[in-house]
Amino acid sequence: MVNALALILFVIWFLVIFVLRSVVQKRATGDSGIRPGAFAAGATRVERVASLLLMVAFIGGLAAPIAAIAGLDRLWSHQPLRLAGLALAVLGIGLTYAAQVGMGTEWRIGIDRAETTGLVTSGVFSLVRNPIFTAMIITTLGFVAMVPNLIAVAAVICLVIAIELQVRHVEEPHLARLHGPAYTAYTAGVGRFVPAIGRSIAGDHR
């Protein structure tokens, strides 16, 4: 039962992240918010690696509950922990969408180096600089608790590495170029993924 719920929730989460939000954005602005990112001609090697790891993470996240339904051994069988994972995954899905909505018309998937976007610092972005990625990690940890097998663990590891690479080496340098001192001040006062943790020093965005 929990394995099937994990599969259903994962599909819902994927649709929320990549379909629902882009449809809402398209209707509101005429622009889906989807950018070429790693598929653009000027994308860096790190950007491409991050994108590849992200795809591996999502494939693994989908495969984990399917493998569990097929009988792959669990790393643990503590039912209350699996149910807590269900609650965490549902919370994470809601937080992911809420953080996306919090970006308003500035929401994007991927970056376009020729595009100038605004800097969102209000709402949940006043607490953490990357709440969407924080919510994604929360969600995947919930899935691991629900479907505790090696595929799920590998998927969340790939996701965390992909997010770290994307944020530190792609998005933060991009925003620093666009917004200069305003972004430096923002990163100095707001944590990267957790409130007050990961604040920059002297404009260091690595």
N, C-alpha and C. Protein backbone atom coordinates (compact mmCIF):
# COMPACT_ATOMS: atom_id res chain seq x y z
N MET A 1 0.82 -1.21 0.00
CA MET A 1 0.00 0.00 0.00
C MET A 1 0.86 1.26 0.00
N VAL A 2 1.87 1.30 0.90
CA VAL A 2 2.74 2.48 0.97
C VAL A 2 3.54 2.65 -0.31
N ASN A 3 3.98 1.51 -0.88
CA ASN A 3 4.75 1.58 -2.13
C ASN A 3 3.91 2.18 -3.26
N ALA A 4 2.66 1.77 -3.35
CA ALA A 4 1.77 2.30 -4.39
C ALA A 4 1.49 3.78 -4.16
N LEU A 5 1.31 4.17 -2.91
CA LEU A 5 1.10 5.59 -2.60
C LEU A 5 2.33 6.41 -2.98
N ALA A 6 3.51 5.85 -2.73
CA ALA A 6 4.74 6.56 -3.09
C ALA A 6 4.82 6.78 -4.59
N LEU A 7 4.43 5.78 -5.36
CA LEU A 7 4.45 5.91 -6.82
C LEU A 7 3.46 6.98 -7.28
N ILE A 8 2.26 6.96 -6.73
CA ILE A 8 1.24 7.95 -7.10
C ILE A 8 1.70 9.36 -6.73
N LEU A 9 2.23 9.50 -5.52
CA LEU A 9 2.69 10.83 -5.07
C LEU A 9 3.86 11.33 -5.91
N PHE A 10 4.75 10.42 -6.31
CA PHE A 10 5.89 10.85 -7.12
C PHE A 10 5.42 11.39 -8.46
N VAL A 11 4.46 10.71 -9.08
CA VAL A 11 3.93 11.18 -10.36
C VAL A 11 3.25 12.54 -10.18
N ILE A 12 2.49 12.69 -9.10
CA ILE A 12 1.84 13.97 -8.82
C ILE A 12 2.88 15.07 -8.64
N TRP A 13 3.93 14.77 -7.88
CA TRP A 13 5.00 15.74 -7.63
C TRP A 13 5.65 16.17 -8.93
N PHE A 14 5.96 15.21 -9.79
CA PHE A 14 6.58 15.52 -11.08
C PHE A 14 5.68 16.43 -11.90
N LEU A 15 4.38 16.11 -11.92
CA LEU A 15 3.44 16.93 -12.68
C LEU A 15 3.33 18.34 -12.10
N VAL A 16 3.38 18.43 -10.77
CA VAL A 16 3.32 19.75 -10.11
C VAL A 16 4.53 20.59 -10.50
N ILE A 17 5.72 20.01 -10.43
CA ILE A 17 6.95 20.76 -10.69
C ILE A 17 7.06 21.19 -12.15
N PHE A 18 6.85 20.26 -13.06
CA PHE A 18 7.18 20.52 -14.46
C PHE A 18 5.98 20.82 -15.36
N VAL A 19 4.78 20.50 -14.94
CA VAL A 19 3.63 20.71 -15.82
C VAL A 19 2.68 21.77 -15.27
N LEU A 20 2.17 21.54 -14.07
CA LEU A 20 1.17 22.46 -13.52
C LEU A 20 1.70 23.89 -13.44
N ARG A 21 2.87 24.07 -12.87
CA ARG A 21 3.39 25.43 -12.70
C ARG A 21 3.65 26.11 -14.03
N SER A 22 4.15 25.35 -15.01
CA SER A 22 4.43 25.96 -16.32
C SER A 22 3.13 26.33 -17.04
N VAL A 23 2.07 25.53 -16.85
CA VAL A 23 0.78 25.86 -17.45
C VAL A 23 0.22 27.13 -16.82
N VAL A 24 0.29 27.22 -15.50
CA VAL A 24 -0.18 28.42 -14.80
C VAL A 24 0.62 29.64 -15.26
N GLN A 25 1.93 29.48 -15.38
CA GLN A 25 2.79 30.58 -15.81
C GLN A 25 2.45 31.02 -17.23
N LYS A 26 2.21 30.05 -18.09
CA LYS A 26 1.88 30.35 -19.48
C LYS A 26 0.58 31.12 -19.58
N ARG A 27 -0.40 30.74 -18.80
CA ARG A 27 -1.70 31.42 -18.83
C ARG A 27 -1.60 32.84 -18.27
N ALA A 28 -0.73 33.01 -17.28
CA ALA A 28 -0.62 34.32 -16.63
C ALA A 28 0.23 35.30 -17.42
N THR A 29 1.28 34.79 -18.10
CA THR A 29 2.24 35.69 -18.73
C THR A 29 2.43 35.46 -20.22
N GLY A 30 1.92 34.35 -20.74
CA GLY A 30 2.19 34.01 -22.14
C GLY A 30 3.52 33.32 -22.33
N ASP A 31 4.23 33.05 -21.23
CA ASP A 31 5.55 32.42 -21.26
C ASP A 31 5.54 31.27 -20.28
N SER A 32 5.95 30.08 -20.71
CA SER A 32 5.90 28.90 -19.86
C SER A 32 6.91 28.94 -18.71
N GLY A 33 7.96 29.78 -18.84
CA GLY A 33 9.00 29.83 -17.82
C GLY A 33 10.07 28.77 -17.99
N ILE A 34 9.93 27.91 -18.98
CA ILE A 34 10.92 26.87 -19.24
C ILE A 34 12.05 27.45 -20.08
N ARG A 35 13.27 27.29 -19.61
CA ARG A 35 14.43 27.80 -20.33
C ARG A 35 15.35 26.64 -20.73
N PRO A 36 16.18 26.83 -21.77
CA PRO A 36 17.01 25.72 -22.26
C PRO A 36 18.02 25.23 -21.24
N GLY A 37 18.54 26.13 -20.38
CA GLY A 37 19.46 25.71 -19.33
C GLY A 37 20.62 24.91 -19.86
N ALA A 38 20.73 23.66 -19.39
CA ALA A 38 21.85 22.79 -19.77
C ALA A 38 21.85 22.44 -21.25
N PHE A 39 20.72 22.65 -21.93
CA PHE A 39 20.63 22.32 -23.36
C PHE A 39 20.98 23.51 -24.25
N ALA A 40 21.27 24.65 -23.64
CA ALA A 40 21.65 25.83 -24.41
C ALA A 40 23.08 25.70 -24.91
N ALA A 41 23.37 26.42 -25.98
CA ALA A 41 24.71 26.33 -26.59
C ALA A 41 25.81 26.77 -25.63
N GLY A 42 25.54 27.76 -24.78
CA GLY A 42 26.57 28.28 -23.89
C GLY A 42 26.61 27.64 -22.52
N ALA A 43 25.91 26.53 -22.33
CA ALA A 43 25.86 25.87 -21.02
C ALA A 43 27.24 25.34 -20.63
N THR A 44 27.55 25.43 -19.35
CA THR A 44 28.84 24.94 -18.86
C THR A 44 28.79 23.44 -18.61
N ARG A 45 29.97 22.86 -18.43
CA ARG A 45 30.04 21.43 -18.14
C ARG A 45 29.35 21.11 -16.82
N VAL A 46 29.55 21.97 -15.82
CA VAL A 46 28.92 21.74 -14.52
C VAL A 46 27.40 21.77 -14.65
N GLU A 47 26.91 22.70 -15.46
CA GLU A 47 25.46 22.80 -15.67
C GLU A 47 24.91 21.53 -16.31
N ARG A 48 25.66 20.98 -17.26
CA ARG A 48 25.21 19.76 -17.93
C ARG A 48 25.26 18.57 -16.97
N VAL A 49 26.30 18.50 -16.15
CA VAL A 49 26.40 17.41 -15.16
C VAL A 49 25.26 17.49 -14.16
N ALA A 50 24.96 18.71 -13.70
CA ALA A 50 23.86 18.90 -12.75
C ALA A 50 22.54 18.46 -13.36
N SER A 51 22.33 18.81 -14.63
CA SER A 51 21.10 18.43 -15.31
C SER A 51 21.01 16.92 -15.46
N LEU A 52 22.13 16.28 -15.80
CA LEU A 52 22.16 14.82 -15.95
C LEU A 52 21.84 14.14 -14.63
N LEU A 53 22.45 14.62 -13.55
CA LEU A 53 22.19 14.03 -12.24
C LEU A 53 20.74 14.23 -11.82
N LEU A 54 20.18 15.37 -12.18
CA LEU A 54 18.78 15.63 -11.85
C LEU A 54 17.87 14.64 -12.57
N MET A 55 18.17 14.38 -13.84
CA MET A 55 17.38 13.41 -14.60
C MET A 55 17.52 12.01 -14.00
N VAL A 56 18.75 11.65 -13.61
CA VAL A 56 18.97 10.35 -12.97
C VAL A 56 18.18 10.25 -11.68
N ALA A 57 18.17 11.35 -10.91
CA ALA A 57 17.44 11.37 -9.64
C ALA A 57 15.95 11.14 -9.86
N PHE A 58 15.37 11.80 -10.86
CA PHE A 58 13.94 11.63 -11.11
C PHE A 58 13.63 10.24 -11.66
N ILE A 59 14.49 9.72 -12.50
CA ILE A 59 14.29 8.35 -13.00
C ILE A 59 14.37 7.37 -11.84
N GLY A 60 15.36 7.58 -10.97
CA GLY A 60 15.51 6.71 -9.80
C GLY A 60 14.33 6.83 -8.85
N GLY A 61 13.85 8.07 -8.68
CA GLY A 61 12.70 8.28 -7.80
C GLY A 61 11.45 7.58 -8.30
N LEU A 62 11.30 7.50 -9.62
CA LEU A 62 10.17 6.78 -10.20
C LEU A 62 10.39 5.27 -10.12
N ALA A 63 11.63 4.85 -10.33
CA ALA A 63 11.93 3.41 -10.35
C ALA A 63 11.85 2.78 -8.96
N ALA A 64 12.16 3.58 -7.92
CA ALA A 64 12.23 3.03 -6.56
C ALA A 64 10.91 2.39 -6.11
N PRO A 65 9.77 3.10 -6.19
CA PRO A 65 8.52 2.44 -5.77
C PRO A 65 8.10 1.30 -6.70
N ILE A 66 8.43 1.42 -7.98
CA ILE A 66 8.11 0.33 -8.91
C ILE A 66 8.89 -0.92 -8.52
N ALA A 67 10.19 -0.73 -8.20
CA ALA A 67 11.01 -1.85 -7.77
C ALA A 67 10.52 -2.42 -6.44
N ALA A 68 10.06 -1.54 -5.56
CA ALA A 68 9.53 -2.00 -4.27
C ALA A 68 8.27 -2.85 -4.47
N ILE A 69 7.39 -2.39 -5.36
CA ILE A 69 6.18 -3.16 -5.67
C ILE A 69 6.54 -4.52 -6.26
N ALA A 70 7.64 -4.55 -7.04
CA ALA A 70 8.08 -5.80 -7.66
C ALA A 70 8.80 -6.72 -6.67
N GLY A 71 9.10 -6.21 -5.47
CA GLY A 71 9.68 -7.08 -4.45
C GLY A 71 11.10 -6.78 -4.04
N LEU A 72 11.67 -5.65 -4.47
CA LEU A 72 13.03 -5.31 -4.05
C LEU A 72 13.09 -5.15 -2.54
N ASP A 73 14.12 -5.71 -1.94
CA ASP A 73 14.26 -5.68 -0.48
C ASP A 73 14.33 -4.26 0.05
N ARG A 74 13.70 -4.04 1.21
CA ARG A 74 13.77 -2.76 1.89
C ARG A 74 14.96 -2.74 2.83
N LEU A 75 15.49 -1.53 3.06
CA LEU A 75 16.59 -1.37 4.01
C LEU A 75 16.09 -1.39 5.44
N TRP A 76 14.83 -1.04 5.63
CA TRP A 76 14.18 -1.17 6.93
C TRP A 76 12.68 -1.37 6.71
N SER A 77 11.99 -1.85 7.74
CA SER A 77 10.58 -2.17 7.63
C SER A 77 9.76 -1.52 8.74
N HIS A 78 10.27 -0.46 9.32
CA HIS A 78 9.60 0.21 10.42
C HIS A 78 8.39 0.98 9.87
N GLN A 79 7.19 0.44 10.08
CA GLN A 79 5.99 1.02 9.46
C GLN A 79 5.71 2.46 9.90
N PRO A 80 5.84 2.80 11.19
CA PRO A 80 5.61 4.21 11.57
C PRO A 80 6.53 5.18 10.84
N LEU A 81 7.78 4.77 10.59
CA LEU A 81 8.71 5.62 9.85
C LEU A 81 8.26 5.79 8.41
N ARG A 82 7.73 4.74 7.83
CA ARG A 82 7.24 4.82 6.45
C ARG A 82 6.02 5.74 6.35
N LEU A 83 5.16 5.68 7.37
CA LEU A 83 4.00 6.56 7.39
C LEU A 83 4.41 8.01 7.63
N ALA A 84 5.44 8.21 8.45
CA ALA A 84 5.98 9.56 8.64
C ALA A 84 6.55 10.08 7.33
N GLY A 85 7.17 9.19 6.55
CA GLY A 85 7.67 9.56 5.24
C GLY A 85 6.56 10.00 4.31
N LEU A 86 5.41 9.35 4.41
CA LEU A 86 4.24 9.74 3.62
C LEU A 86 3.84 11.18 3.94
N ALA A 87 3.76 11.49 5.23
CA ALA A 87 3.40 12.85 5.63
C ALA A 87 4.45 13.86 5.16
N LEU A 88 5.73 13.47 5.25
CA LEU A 88 6.81 14.37 4.83
C LEU A 88 6.76 14.62 3.32
N ALA A 89 6.48 13.56 2.55
CA ALA A 89 6.41 13.71 1.09
C ALA A 89 5.26 14.62 0.69
N VAL A 90 4.10 14.45 1.33
CA VAL A 90 2.95 15.31 1.04
C VAL A 90 3.27 16.76 1.39
N LEU A 91 3.89 16.96 2.55
CA LEU A 91 4.30 18.31 2.95
C LEU A 91 5.27 18.90 1.93
N GLY A 92 6.24 18.10 1.51
CA GLY A 92 7.23 18.58 0.55
C GLY A 92 6.63 18.97 -0.78
N ILE A 93 5.66 18.20 -1.25
CA ILE A 93 4.99 18.53 -2.51
C ILE A 93 4.29 19.87 -2.40
N GLY A 94 3.58 20.07 -1.29
CA GLY A 94 2.90 21.35 -1.07
C GLY A 94 3.87 22.50 -0.98
N LEU A 95 4.98 22.29 -0.29
CA LEU A 95 5.98 23.35 -0.14
C LEU A 95 6.65 23.66 -1.48
N THR A 96 6.87 22.63 -2.29
CA THR A 96 7.48 22.85 -3.60
C THR A 96 6.62 23.78 -4.44
N TYR A 97 5.34 23.48 -4.50
CA TYR A 97 4.45 24.31 -5.32
C TYR A 97 4.30 25.71 -4.73
N ALA A 98 4.20 25.79 -3.40
CA ALA A 98 4.06 27.10 -2.75
C ALA A 98 5.28 27.97 -3.03
N ALA A 99 6.47 27.37 -3.00
CA ALA A 99 7.70 28.13 -3.27
C ALA A 99 7.75 28.57 -4.73
N GLN A 100 7.29 27.71 -5.64
CA GLN A 100 7.22 28.10 -7.05
C GLN A 100 6.27 29.27 -7.24
N VAL A 101 5.10 29.21 -6.62
CA VAL A 101 4.12 30.29 -6.73
C VAL A 101 4.70 31.57 -6.13
N GLY A 102 5.50 31.43 -5.06
CA GLY A 102 6.10 32.59 -4.42
C GLY A 102 7.03 33.38 -5.32
N MET A 103 7.52 32.76 -6.39
CA MET A 103 8.37 33.48 -7.34
C MET A 103 7.57 34.35 -8.30
N GLY A 104 6.25 34.12 -8.34
CA GLY A 104 5.41 34.92 -9.24
C GLY A 104 5.85 34.78 -10.69
N THR A 105 5.88 35.89 -11.39
CA THR A 105 6.23 35.87 -12.82
C THR A 105 7.72 35.66 -13.06
N GLU A 106 8.52 35.67 -12.00
CA GLU A 106 9.96 35.45 -12.15
C GLU A 106 10.31 33.97 -12.15
N TRP A 107 9.33 33.09 -11.96
CA TRP A 107 9.60 31.66 -11.90
C TRP A 107 10.18 31.15 -13.21
N ARG A 108 11.24 30.35 -13.10
CA ARG A 108 11.88 29.75 -14.26
C ARG A 108 12.36 28.34 -13.90
N ILE A 109 12.42 27.49 -14.91
CA ILE A 109 13.19 26.24 -14.82
C ILE A 109 14.33 26.40 -15.81
N GLY A 110 15.56 26.39 -15.31
CA GLY A 110 16.72 26.66 -16.15
C GLY A 110 16.97 28.16 -16.25
N ILE A 111 18.10 28.52 -16.82
CA ILE A 111 18.42 29.93 -16.96
C ILE A 111 18.72 30.26 -18.42
N ASP A 112 18.48 31.50 -18.74
CA ASP A 112 18.83 32.06 -20.05
C ASP A 112 19.77 33.23 -19.76
N ARG A 113 21.03 33.08 -20.12
CA ARG A 113 22.04 34.09 -19.77
C ARG A 113 21.78 35.43 -20.45
N ALA A 114 20.96 35.43 -21.49
CA ALA A 114 20.66 36.69 -22.18
C ALA A 114 19.44 37.38 -21.58
N GLU A 115 18.79 36.75 -20.63
CA GLU A 115 17.55 37.28 -20.05
C GLU A 115 17.82 37.94 -18.71
N THR A 116 17.18 39.07 -18.48
CA THR A 116 17.28 39.75 -17.18
C THR A 116 15.99 39.50 -16.40
N THR A 117 16.12 38.87 -15.26
CA THR A 117 14.97 38.58 -14.42
C THR A 117 15.09 39.35 -13.11
N GLY A 118 13.96 39.54 -12.43
CA GLY A 118 13.98 40.23 -11.15
C GLY A 118 14.51 39.34 -10.04
N LEU A 119 14.86 39.97 -8.93
CA LEU A 119 15.37 39.25 -7.76
C LEU A 119 14.24 39.15 -6.74
N VAL A 120 13.80 37.94 -6.45
CA VAL A 120 12.72 37.72 -5.49
C VAL A 120 13.31 37.53 -4.10
N THR A 121 12.96 38.40 -3.16
CA THR A 121 13.50 38.33 -1.81
C THR A 121 12.41 38.37 -0.74
N SER A 122 11.16 38.34 -1.14
CA SER A 122 10.05 38.45 -0.19
C SER A 122 9.44 37.07 0.08
N GLY A 123 8.50 37.03 1.02
CA GLY A 123 7.84 35.78 1.34
C GLY A 123 8.82 34.75 1.87
N VAL A 124 8.68 33.52 1.41
CA VAL A 124 9.57 32.46 1.87
C VAL A 124 11.01 32.71 1.44
N PHE A 125 11.20 33.52 0.39
CA PHE A 125 12.55 33.83 -0.08
C PHE A 125 13.28 34.78 0.88
N SER A 126 12.57 35.32 1.83
CA SER A 126 13.22 36.12 2.88
C SER A 126 13.80 35.22 3.97
N LEU A 127 13.44 33.94 3.94
CA LEU A 127 13.94 32.97 4.93
C LEU A 127 15.08 32.13 4.37
N VAL A 128 14.90 31.66 3.14
CA VAL A 128 15.94 30.88 2.45
C VAL A 128 15.99 31.32 1.00
N ARG A 129 17.18 31.23 0.40
CA ARG A 129 17.34 31.71 -0.97
C ARG A 129 16.82 30.72 -2.01
N ASN A 130 16.76 29.45 -1.64
CA ASN A 130 16.37 28.41 -2.61
C ASN A 130 15.28 27.50 -2.03
N PRO A 131 14.13 28.07 -1.70
CA PRO A 131 13.09 27.26 -1.04
C PRO A 131 12.54 26.15 -1.92
N ILE A 132 12.56 26.32 -3.23
CA ILE A 132 12.06 25.25 -4.10
C ILE A 132 12.95 24.03 -3.96
N PHE A 133 14.26 24.24 -3.99
CA PHE A 133 15.18 23.11 -3.85
C PHE A 133 15.12 22.51 -2.46
N THR A 134 14.95 23.34 -1.45
CA THR A 134 14.78 22.83 -0.08
C THR A 134 13.56 21.92 -0.01
N ALA A 135 12.46 22.36 -0.61
CA ALA A 135 11.22 21.57 -0.60
C ALA A 135 11.40 20.27 -1.39
N MET A 136 12.16 20.32 -2.47
CA MET A 136 12.41 19.10 -3.25
C MET A 136 13.18 18.08 -2.43
N ILE A 137 14.16 18.53 -1.67
CA ILE A 137 14.93 17.62 -0.83
C ILE A 137 14.04 17.03 0.26
N ILE A 138 13.20 17.86 0.87
CA ILE A 138 12.25 17.37 1.88
C ILE A 138 11.36 16.28 1.29
N THR A 139 10.88 16.52 0.08
CA THR A 139 10.00 15.55 -0.57
C THR A 139 10.70 14.23 -0.81
N THR A 140 11.91 14.28 -1.33
CA THR A 140 12.62 13.04 -1.64
C THR A 140 13.02 12.28 -0.38
N LEU A 141 13.30 13.00 0.70
CA LEU A 141 13.57 12.31 1.97
C LEU A 141 12.32 11.58 2.43
N GLY A 142 11.16 12.19 2.20
CA GLY A 142 9.91 11.51 2.51
C GLY A 142 9.74 10.25 1.70
N PHE A 143 10.08 10.32 0.41
CA PHE A 143 9.98 9.14 -0.44
C PHE A 143 10.93 8.04 0.01
N VAL A 144 12.14 8.41 0.43
CA VAL A 144 13.10 7.41 0.92
C VAL A 144 12.56 6.71 2.15
N ALA A 145 11.93 7.47 3.04
CA ALA A 145 11.34 6.86 4.23
C ALA A 145 10.19 5.94 3.86
N MET A 146 9.42 6.31 2.84
CA MET A 146 8.31 5.48 2.39
C MET A 146 8.78 4.22 1.67
N VAL A 147 9.79 4.39 0.81
CA VAL A 147 10.30 3.29 -0.01
C VAL A 147 11.80 3.15 0.26
N PRO A 148 12.15 2.55 1.38
CA PRO A 148 13.56 2.53 1.80
C PRO A 148 14.38 1.45 1.09
N ASN A 149 14.66 1.67 -0.19
CA ASN A 149 15.54 0.75 -0.90
C ASN A 149 16.72 1.49 -1.49
N LEU A 150 17.66 0.74 -2.02
CA LEU A 150 18.91 1.35 -2.50
C LEU A 150 18.67 2.30 -3.67
N ILE A 151 17.67 2.04 -4.50
CA ILE A 151 17.39 2.93 -5.62
C ILE A 151 16.95 4.29 -5.12
N ALA A 152 16.07 4.29 -4.12
CA ALA A 152 15.59 5.56 -3.56
C ALA A 152 16.72 6.35 -2.91
N VAL A 153 17.59 5.65 -2.20
CA VAL A 153 18.73 6.32 -1.56
C VAL A 153 19.65 6.92 -2.61
N ALA A 154 19.94 6.16 -3.66
CA ALA A 154 20.81 6.66 -4.73
C ALA A 154 20.17 7.87 -5.41
N ALA A 155 18.85 7.84 -5.57
CA ALA A 155 18.15 8.95 -6.23
C ALA A 155 18.27 10.24 -5.42
N VAL A 156 18.09 10.15 -4.11
CA VAL A 156 18.17 11.36 -3.30
C VAL A 156 19.60 11.89 -3.23
N ILE A 157 20.58 11.01 -3.26
CA ILE A 157 21.98 11.45 -3.29
C ILE A 157 22.26 12.20 -4.59
N CYS A 158 21.79 11.66 -5.70
CA CYS A 158 21.97 12.33 -7.00
C CYS A 158 21.28 13.69 -7.00
N LEU A 159 20.10 13.76 -6.41
CA LEU A 159 19.36 15.01 -6.37
C LEU A 159 20.11 16.07 -5.57
N VAL A 160 20.61 15.70 -4.41
CA VAL A 160 21.33 16.66 -3.56
C VAL A 160 22.58 17.17 -4.28
N ILE A 161 23.33 16.27 -4.91
CA ILE A 161 24.54 16.68 -5.63
C ILE A 161 24.17 17.61 -6.79
N ALA A 162 23.12 17.25 -7.52
CA ALA A 162 22.67 18.08 -8.65
C ALA A 162 22.28 19.48 -8.19
N ILE A 163 21.54 19.55 -7.09
CA ILE A 163 21.12 20.85 -6.57
C ILE A 163 22.31 21.68 -6.11
N GLU A 164 23.24 21.05 -5.42
CA GLU A 164 24.43 21.78 -4.96
C GLU A 164 25.20 22.35 -6.15
N LEU A 165 25.39 21.55 -7.17
CA LEU A 165 26.12 22.02 -8.36
C LEU A 165 25.36 23.14 -9.05
N GLN A 166 24.06 22.95 -9.22
CA GLN A 166 23.25 23.94 -9.92
C GLN A 166 23.22 25.27 -9.19
N VAL A 167 23.03 25.21 -7.88
CA VAL A 167 22.92 26.45 -7.10
C VAL A 167 24.27 27.16 -6.99
N ARG A 168 25.29 26.44 -6.57
CA ARG A 168 26.58 27.07 -6.28
C ARG A 168 27.33 27.52 -7.53
N HIS A 169 27.23 26.73 -8.60
CA HIS A 169 28.08 26.99 -9.77
C HIS A 169 27.33 27.52 -10.99
N VAL A 170 26.00 27.54 -10.94
CA VAL A 170 25.23 28.03 -12.09
C VAL A 170 24.34 29.20 -11.69
N GLU A 171 23.40 28.96 -10.80
CA GLU A 171 22.38 29.97 -10.52
C GLU A 171 22.92 31.14 -9.70
N GLU A 172 23.69 30.86 -8.65
CA GLU A 172 24.19 31.97 -7.83
C GLU A 172 25.16 32.87 -8.60
N PRO A 173 26.10 32.32 -9.37
CA PRO A 173 26.95 33.21 -10.18
C PRO A 173 26.14 34.01 -11.20
N HIS A 174 25.11 33.39 -11.77
CA HIS A 174 24.25 34.08 -12.74
C HIS A 174 23.53 35.25 -12.08
N LEU A 175 22.94 35.01 -10.91
CA LEU A 175 22.22 36.08 -10.20
C LEU A 175 23.18 37.17 -9.72
N ALA A 176 24.38 36.78 -9.34
CA ALA A 176 25.37 37.77 -8.92
C ALA A 176 25.74 38.70 -10.07
N ARG A 177 25.86 38.15 -11.28
CA ARG A 177 26.15 38.98 -12.46
C ARG A 177 24.99 39.91 -12.76
N LEU A 178 23.76 39.41 -12.62
CA LEU A 178 22.59 40.22 -12.95
C LEU A 178 22.34 41.34 -11.94
N HIS A 179 22.49 41.03 -10.66
CA HIS A 179 22.01 41.95 -9.63
C HIS A 179 23.11 42.56 -8.76
N GLY A 180 24.34 42.13 -8.93
CA GLY A 180 25.48 42.79 -8.27
C GLY A 180 25.32 42.96 -6.77
N PRO A 181 25.49 44.19 -6.26
CA PRO A 181 25.45 44.45 -4.82
C PRO A 181 24.14 44.05 -4.15
N ALA A 182 23.03 44.16 -4.87
CA ALA A 182 21.74 43.78 -4.28
C ALA A 182 21.73 42.28 -3.95
N TYR A 183 22.31 41.47 -4.84
CA TYR A 183 22.35 40.03 -4.58
C TYR A 183 23.37 39.71 -3.50
N THR A 184 24.48 40.43 -3.49
CA THR A 184 25.49 40.24 -2.45
C THR A 184 24.89 40.49 -1.07
N ALA A 185 24.12 41.56 -0.95
CA ALA A 185 23.48 41.87 0.33
C ALA A 185 22.46 40.80 0.70
N TYR A 186 21.74 40.32 -0.28
CA TYR A 186 20.73 39.29 -0.04
C TYR A 186 21.37 38.00 0.45
N THR A 187 22.43 37.55 -0.21
CA THR A 187 23.07 36.30 0.18
C THR A 187 23.78 36.41 1.53
N ALA A 188 24.17 37.61 1.88
CA ALA A 188 24.83 37.81 3.18
C ALA A 188 23.84 37.74 4.34
N GLY A 189 22.56 37.95 4.05
CA GLY A 189 21.57 37.98 5.12
C GLY A 189 20.63 36.79 5.17
N VAL A 190 20.61 35.98 4.10
CA VAL A 190 19.65 34.88 4.01
C VAL A 190 20.37 33.58 3.69
N GLY A 191 20.02 32.51 4.40
CA GLY A 191 20.66 31.22 4.20
C GLY A 191 20.36 30.60 2.85
N ARG A 192 21.22 29.70 2.43
CA ARG A 192 21.08 29.10 1.09
C ARG A 192 19.88 28.14 1.02
N PHE A 193 19.84 27.14 1.90
CA PHE A 193 18.75 26.17 1.91
C PHE A 193 18.00 26.13 3.24
N VAL A 194 18.67 26.57 4.28
CA VAL A 194 18.11 26.56 5.63
C VAL A 194 18.29 27.96 6.20
N PRO A 195 17.31 28.49 6.93
CA PRO A 195 17.46 29.84 7.49
C PRO A 195 18.76 30.01 8.26
N ALA A 196 19.48 31.09 7.95
CA ALA A 196 20.70 31.51 8.66
C ALA A 196 21.91 30.63 8.39
N ILE A 197 21.77 29.58 7.59
CA ILE A 197 22.90 28.70 7.28
C ILE A 197 23.22 28.84 5.80
N GLY A 198 24.51 29.04 5.50
CA GLY A 198 24.93 29.17 4.11
C GLY A 198 24.91 30.59 3.60
N ARG A 199 24.90 31.54 4.54
CA ARG A 199 24.99 32.94 4.11
C ARG A 199 26.38 33.22 3.58
N SER A 200 26.49 34.06 2.57
CA SER A 200 27.77 34.33 1.93
C SER A 200 28.60 35.31 2.75
N ILE A 201 29.89 35.27 2.52
CA ILE A 201 30.82 36.20 3.15
C ILE A 201 31.55 36.96 2.05
N ALA A 202 31.46 38.26 2.10
CA ALA A 202 32.15 39.12 1.13
C ALA A 202 31.80 38.74 -0.32
N GLY A 203 30.52 38.42 -0.53
CA GLY A 203 30.07 38.15 -1.90
C GLY A 203 30.54 36.85 -2.48
N ASP A 204 30.97 35.89 -1.62
CA ASP A 204 31.42 34.59 -2.10
C ASP A 204 30.19 33.74 -2.42
N HIS A 205 29.97 33.40 -3.69
CA HIS A 205 28.79 32.63 -4.09
C HIS A 205 29.15 31.22 -4.53
N ARG A 206 30.26 30.70 -4.07
CA ARG A 206 30.63 29.36 -4.46
C ARG A 206 29.94 28.33 -3.60
